[in-house]
Amino acid sequence: MDVARSIGLVVSNGTVAGTIDQEKVLGALVELTENDPAHADLYAAAAEHVRSARSAGMETHEANSSHMRPGADATTQLRYRSEMVDLFTDLAIDVGLRLHNQALVASA
């Protein structure tokens, strides 16, 4: 959930509204995969879920816009922030269950 917090999905007042850039979410999942390769399959499944999630719209940026970085895409795919919070919550549960099951097997 620290990763979700770092990209702005977890807020202190508990209210989750608005949209988030899909690439921000996918980048966080890549970071998780690099830091925790034992659960790469769960992160890959989550990334597929992000890509197939309901669209919250597209932002198109003008080439000379101050929002455009050199080499950046001219469009931004938006996803609903609340759905991405649910995704990270489910992912945390899945990883936790896997770790718990591994601990049970190791202690048996």
N, C-alpha and C. Protein backbone atom coordinates (compact mmCIF):
# COMPACT_ATOMS: atom_id res chain seq x y z
N MET A 1 0.82 -1.19 0.00
CA MET A 1 0.00 0.00 0.00
C MET A 1 0.87 1.26 0.00
N ASP A 2 2.14 1.11 0.38
CA ASP A 2 3.04 2.26 0.32
C ASP A 2 3.19 2.77 -1.12
N VAL A 3 3.23 1.84 -2.06
CA VAL A 3 3.34 2.22 -3.47
C VAL A 3 2.07 2.95 -3.91
N ALA A 4 0.92 2.45 -3.52
CA ALA A 4 -0.34 3.11 -3.85
C ALA A 4 -0.37 4.52 -3.26
N ARG A 5 0.13 4.64 -2.04
CA ARG A 5 0.18 5.96 -1.39
C ARG A 5 1.12 6.89 -2.15
N SER A 6 2.24 6.35 -2.62
CA SER A 6 3.24 7.18 -3.29
C SER A 6 2.74 7.76 -4.63
N ILE A 7 1.78 7.10 -5.25
CA ILE A 7 1.25 7.64 -6.52
C ILE A 7 -0.09 8.36 -6.30
N GLY A 8 -0.44 8.56 -5.04
CA GLY A 8 -1.62 9.36 -4.74
C GLY A 8 -2.93 8.62 -4.70
N LEU A 9 -2.89 7.30 -4.55
CA LEU A 9 -4.14 6.55 -4.50
C LEU A 9 -4.72 6.46 -3.10
N VAL A 10 -3.89 6.56 -2.08
CA VAL A 10 -4.36 6.48 -0.70
C VAL A 10 -4.26 7.88 -0.11
N VAL A 11 -5.39 8.39 0.33
CA VAL A 11 -5.42 9.74 0.88
C VAL A 11 -5.77 9.69 2.37
N SER A 12 -5.36 10.69 3.11
CA SER A 12 -5.53 10.68 4.56
C SER A 12 -6.98 10.80 5.00
N ASN A 13 -7.81 11.48 4.23
CA ASN A 13 -9.20 11.67 4.66
C ASN A 13 -10.12 10.52 4.23
N GLY A 14 -9.60 9.54 3.52
CA GLY A 14 -10.38 8.37 3.13
C GLY A 14 -11.23 8.55 1.89
N THR A 15 -11.29 9.74 1.34
CA THR A 15 -12.09 10.00 0.14
C THR A 15 -11.22 9.79 -1.10
N VAL A 16 -11.69 8.93 -1.98
CA VAL A 16 -10.98 8.67 -3.23
C VAL A 16 -11.89 9.07 -4.37
N ALA A 17 -11.46 10.05 -5.14
CA ALA A 17 -12.28 10.53 -6.25
C ALA A 17 -11.36 10.96 -7.38
N GLY A 18 -11.94 11.09 -8.54
CA GLY A 18 -11.18 11.59 -9.68
C GLY A 18 -10.52 10.49 -10.48
N THR A 19 -9.51 10.90 -11.22
CA THR A 19 -8.85 10.00 -12.15
C THR A 19 -7.35 9.97 -11.89
N ILE A 20 -6.69 8.99 -12.51
CA ILE A 20 -5.25 8.87 -12.42
C ILE A 20 -4.73 8.39 -13.77
N ASP A 21 -3.55 8.83 -14.10
CA ASP A 21 -2.89 8.45 -15.35
C ASP A 21 -2.57 6.95 -15.30
N GLN A 22 -3.01 6.22 -16.31
CA GLN A 22 -2.76 4.79 -16.38
C GLN A 22 -1.26 4.47 -16.30
N GLU A 23 -0.43 5.27 -16.95
CA GLU A 23 1.01 5.01 -16.95
C GLU A 23 1.61 5.13 -15.56
N LYS A 24 1.05 5.97 -14.74
CA LYS A 24 1.52 6.11 -13.35
C LYS A 24 1.27 4.81 -12.59
N VAL A 25 0.09 4.23 -12.79
CA VAL A 25 -0.26 2.98 -12.12
C VAL A 25 0.61 1.84 -12.65
N LEU A 26 0.75 1.76 -13.97
CA LEU A 26 1.57 0.69 -14.55
C LEU A 26 3.03 0.83 -14.12
N GLY A 27 3.52 2.05 -14.02
CA GLY A 27 4.89 2.27 -13.56
C GLY A 27 5.08 1.79 -12.13
N ALA A 28 4.09 2.00 -11.29
CA ALA A 28 4.16 1.51 -9.91
C ALA A 28 4.19 -0.02 -9.87
N LEU A 29 3.45 -0.66 -10.75
CA LEU A 29 3.46 -2.12 -10.80
C LEU A 29 4.80 -2.65 -11.32
N VAL A 30 5.41 -1.95 -12.24
CA VAL A 30 6.75 -2.32 -12.72
C VAL A 30 7.74 -2.22 -11.56
N GLU A 31 7.64 -1.15 -10.79
CA GLU A 31 8.52 -0.97 -9.63
C GLU A 31 8.35 -2.11 -8.63
N LEU A 32 7.10 -2.50 -8.38
CA LEU A 32 6.85 -3.62 -7.48
C LEU A 32 7.47 -4.91 -8.01
N THR A 33 7.34 -5.14 -9.30
CA THR A 33 7.91 -6.34 -9.92
C THR A 33 9.42 -6.37 -9.77
N GLU A 34 10.06 -5.23 -10.00
CA GLU A 34 11.52 -5.15 -9.88
C GLU A 34 11.98 -5.36 -8.45
N ASN A 35 11.22 -4.86 -7.48
CA ASN A 35 11.61 -4.97 -6.07
C ASN A 35 11.17 -6.26 -5.41
N ASP A 36 10.24 -6.97 -6.02
CA ASP A 36 9.69 -8.20 -5.42
C ASP A 36 9.36 -9.20 -6.52
N PRO A 37 10.39 -9.74 -7.21
CA PRO A 37 10.14 -10.62 -8.35
C PRO A 37 9.43 -11.94 -8.00
N ALA A 38 9.40 -12.30 -6.74
CA ALA A 38 8.72 -13.55 -6.34
C ALA A 38 7.23 -13.49 -6.63
N HIS A 39 6.69 -12.30 -6.73
CA HIS A 39 5.26 -12.15 -6.97
C HIS A 39 4.98 -11.48 -8.31
N ALA A 40 5.91 -11.63 -9.24
CA ALA A 40 5.79 -10.99 -10.56
C ALA A 40 4.50 -11.39 -11.27
N ASP A 41 4.06 -12.62 -11.09
CA ASP A 41 2.83 -13.06 -11.76
C ASP A 41 1.61 -12.29 -11.26
N LEU A 42 1.58 -11.97 -9.97
CA LEU A 42 0.46 -11.19 -9.43
C LEU A 42 0.49 -9.76 -9.96
N TYR A 43 1.70 -9.19 -10.05
CA TYR A 43 1.83 -7.83 -10.56
C TYR A 43 1.48 -7.76 -12.05
N ALA A 44 1.85 -8.79 -12.80
CA ALA A 44 1.52 -8.83 -14.23
C ALA A 44 0.00 -8.94 -14.42
N ALA A 45 -0.65 -9.74 -13.60
CA ALA A 45 -2.11 -9.87 -13.68
C ALA A 45 -2.78 -8.54 -13.32
N ALA A 46 -2.23 -7.84 -12.33
CA ALA A 46 -2.78 -6.54 -11.96
C ALA A 46 -2.60 -5.54 -13.10
N ALA A 47 -1.45 -5.59 -13.77
CA ALA A 47 -1.21 -4.68 -14.90
C ALA A 47 -2.21 -4.93 -16.02
N GLU A 48 -2.51 -6.19 -16.29
CA GLU A 48 -3.52 -6.51 -17.30
C GLU A 48 -4.89 -5.97 -16.90
N HIS A 49 -5.18 -6.06 -15.62
CA HIS A 49 -6.45 -5.53 -15.12
C HIS A 49 -6.50 -4.02 -15.32
N VAL A 50 -5.39 -3.33 -15.06
CA VAL A 50 -5.35 -1.88 -15.28
C VAL A 50 -5.64 -1.57 -16.74
N ARG A 51 -4.98 -2.29 -17.63
CA ARG A 51 -5.16 -2.02 -19.07
C ARG A 51 -6.58 -2.27 -19.55
N SER A 52 -7.27 -3.20 -18.91
CA SER A 52 -8.62 -3.53 -19.35
C SER A 52 -9.70 -2.84 -18.50
N ALA A 53 -9.28 -2.02 -17.54
CA ALA A 53 -10.25 -1.34 -16.67
C ALA A 53 -11.04 -0.30 -17.47
N ARG A 54 -12.15 0.06 -16.93
CA ARG A 54 -13.04 1.05 -17.53
C ARG A 54 -12.29 2.37 -17.72
N SER A 55 -12.39 2.93 -18.89
CA SER A 55 -11.72 4.19 -19.19
C SER A 55 -12.43 5.35 -18.51
N ALA A 56 -11.63 6.26 -17.98
CA ALA A 56 -12.16 7.49 -17.40
C ALA A 56 -11.93 8.65 -18.37
N GLY A 57 -11.55 8.30 -19.59
CA GLY A 57 -11.33 9.31 -20.62
C GLY A 57 -9.88 9.41 -21.04
N MET A 58 -9.66 10.23 -22.03
CA MET A 58 -8.32 10.47 -22.56
C MET A 58 -8.08 11.97 -22.52
N GLU A 59 -6.86 12.32 -22.15
CA GLU A 59 -6.44 13.71 -22.25
C GLU A 59 -5.51 13.81 -23.44
N THR A 60 -5.75 14.80 -24.28
CA THR A 60 -4.86 15.05 -25.41
C THR A 60 -4.12 16.35 -25.13
N HIS A 61 -2.82 16.29 -25.27
CA HIS A 61 -1.97 17.44 -24.97
C HIS A 61 -1.45 18.04 -26.28
N GLU A 62 -1.47 19.32 -26.36
CA GLU A 62 -0.90 20.03 -27.50
C GLU A 62 0.63 19.87 -27.47
N ALA A 63 1.25 19.78 -28.61
CA ALA A 63 2.69 19.57 -28.69
C ALA A 63 3.47 20.68 -27.98
N ASN A 64 2.95 21.89 -27.96
CA ASN A 64 3.67 22.99 -27.32
C ASN A 64 3.15 23.29 -25.91
N SER A 65 2.36 22.38 -25.36
CA SER A 65 1.78 22.56 -24.03
C SER A 65 2.85 22.46 -22.96
N SER A 66 2.65 23.17 -21.88
CA SER A 66 3.58 23.08 -20.75
C SER A 66 3.46 21.73 -20.04
N HIS A 67 2.39 20.99 -20.32
CA HIS A 67 2.20 19.67 -19.73
C HIS A 67 2.97 18.58 -20.46
N MET A 68 3.52 18.92 -21.62
CA MET A 68 4.23 17.94 -22.44
C MET A 68 5.71 17.95 -22.12
N ARG A 69 6.25 16.77 -21.83
CA ARG A 69 7.68 16.60 -21.68
C ARG A 69 8.22 16.11 -23.01
N PRO A 70 9.46 16.46 -23.33
CA PRO A 70 10.03 15.96 -24.59
C PRO A 70 9.98 14.43 -24.64
N GLY A 71 9.47 13.90 -25.73
CA GLY A 71 9.38 12.46 -25.92
C GLY A 71 8.16 11.82 -25.28
N ALA A 72 7.33 12.60 -24.58
CA ALA A 72 6.14 12.05 -23.91
C ALA A 72 5.01 11.85 -24.92
N ASP A 73 4.10 10.94 -24.57
CA ASP A 73 2.93 10.71 -25.41
C ASP A 73 2.05 11.95 -25.43
N ALA A 74 1.38 12.16 -26.53
CA ALA A 74 0.49 13.31 -26.66
C ALA A 74 -0.86 13.05 -26.02
N THR A 75 -1.13 11.80 -25.64
CA THR A 75 -2.39 11.47 -24.98
C THR A 75 -2.11 10.75 -23.66
N THR A 76 -3.03 10.92 -22.75
CA THR A 76 -2.94 10.27 -21.45
C THR A 76 -4.22 9.48 -21.24
N GLN A 77 -4.09 8.17 -21.03
CA GLN A 77 -5.26 7.33 -20.73
C GLN A 77 -5.53 7.45 -19.24
N LEU A 78 -6.74 7.84 -18.90
CA LEU A 78 -7.12 8.00 -17.50
C LEU A 78 -7.93 6.80 -17.03
N ARG A 79 -7.73 6.45 -15.78
CA ARG A 79 -8.51 5.39 -15.12
C ARG A 79 -9.14 5.99 -13.86
N TYR A 80 -10.23 5.39 -13.43
CA TYR A 80 -10.89 5.86 -12.21
C TYR A 80 -10.03 5.52 -11.00
N ARG A 81 -9.74 6.53 -10.21
CA ARG A 81 -8.88 6.39 -9.03
C ARG A 81 -9.43 5.33 -8.07
N SER A 82 -10.73 5.32 -7.84
CA SER A 82 -11.32 4.36 -6.89
C SER A 82 -11.11 2.91 -7.35
N GLU A 83 -11.17 2.67 -8.66
CA GLU A 83 -10.95 1.32 -9.16
C GLU A 83 -9.49 0.90 -8.99
N MET A 84 -8.57 1.85 -9.12
CA MET A 84 -7.16 1.54 -8.95
C MET A 84 -6.83 1.30 -7.48
N VAL A 85 -7.53 2.00 -6.57
CA VAL A 85 -7.37 1.73 -5.14
C VAL A 85 -7.81 0.31 -4.84
N ASP A 86 -8.95 -0.09 -5.38
CA ASP A 86 -9.43 -1.47 -5.19
C ASP A 86 -8.43 -2.48 -5.72
N LEU A 87 -7.83 -2.18 -6.87
CA LEU A 87 -6.84 -3.08 -7.45
C LEU A 87 -5.64 -3.27 -6.52
N PHE A 88 -5.12 -2.17 -5.97
CA PHE A 88 -3.97 -2.27 -5.07
C PHE A 88 -4.35 -2.95 -3.76
N THR A 89 -5.58 -2.75 -3.29
CA THR A 89 -6.03 -3.44 -2.08
C THR A 89 -6.10 -4.94 -2.32
N ASP A 90 -6.68 -5.34 -3.44
CA ASP A 90 -6.75 -6.77 -3.79
C ASP A 90 -5.35 -7.36 -3.95
N LEU A 91 -4.46 -6.60 -4.55
CA LEU A 91 -3.09 -7.05 -4.76
C LEU A 91 -2.39 -7.27 -3.41
N ALA A 92 -2.57 -6.36 -2.48
CA ALA A 92 -1.97 -6.50 -1.15
C ALA A 92 -2.51 -7.75 -0.45
N ILE A 93 -3.80 -8.00 -0.61
CA ILE A 93 -4.41 -9.20 -0.01
C ILE A 93 -3.83 -10.45 -0.66
N ASP A 94 -3.74 -10.47 -1.99
CA ASP A 94 -3.20 -11.64 -2.70
C ASP A 94 -1.76 -11.94 -2.28
N VAL A 95 -0.93 -10.90 -2.20
CA VAL A 95 0.46 -11.11 -1.79
C VAL A 95 0.50 -11.59 -0.34
N GLY A 96 -0.30 -10.99 0.51
CA GLY A 96 -0.35 -11.42 1.91
C GLY A 96 -0.78 -12.86 2.08
N LEU A 97 -1.80 -13.26 1.34
CA LEU A 97 -2.26 -14.66 1.41
C LEU A 97 -1.18 -15.63 0.91
N ARG A 98 -0.51 -15.24 -0.14
CA ARG A 98 0.56 -16.09 -0.67
C ARG A 98 1.68 -16.24 0.36
N LEU A 99 2.08 -15.15 0.96
CA LEU A 99 3.13 -15.21 1.98
C LEU A 99 2.70 -16.05 3.18
N HIS A 100 1.45 -15.91 3.56
CA HIS A 100 0.91 -16.69 4.69
C HIS A 100 0.93 -18.19 4.34
N ASN A 101 0.48 -18.53 3.16
CA ASN A 101 0.47 -19.93 2.74
C ASN A 101 1.88 -20.50 2.65
N GLN A 102 2.84 -19.69 2.17
CA GLN A 102 4.23 -20.14 2.12
C GLN A 102 4.78 -20.38 3.51
N ALA A 103 4.40 -19.54 4.46
CA ALA A 103 4.86 -19.71 5.84
C ALA A 103 4.27 -20.98 6.45
N LEU A 104 3.01 -21.28 6.11
CA LEU A 104 2.38 -22.50 6.62
C LEU A 104 3.07 -23.74 6.08
N VAL A 105 3.38 -23.74 4.80
CA VAL A 105 4.06 -24.88 4.17
C VAL A 105 5.45 -25.05 4.77
N ALA A 106 6.14 -23.94 4.98
CA ALA A 106 7.50 -24.00 5.52
C ALA A 106 7.51 -24.52 6.96
N SER A 107 6.47 -24.24 7.72
CA SER A 107 6.44 -24.68 9.10
C SER A 107 5.89 -26.09 9.28
N ALA A 108 5.34 -26.66 8.22
CA ALA A 108 4.74 -28.02 8.31
C ALA A 108 5.78 -29.10 8.24
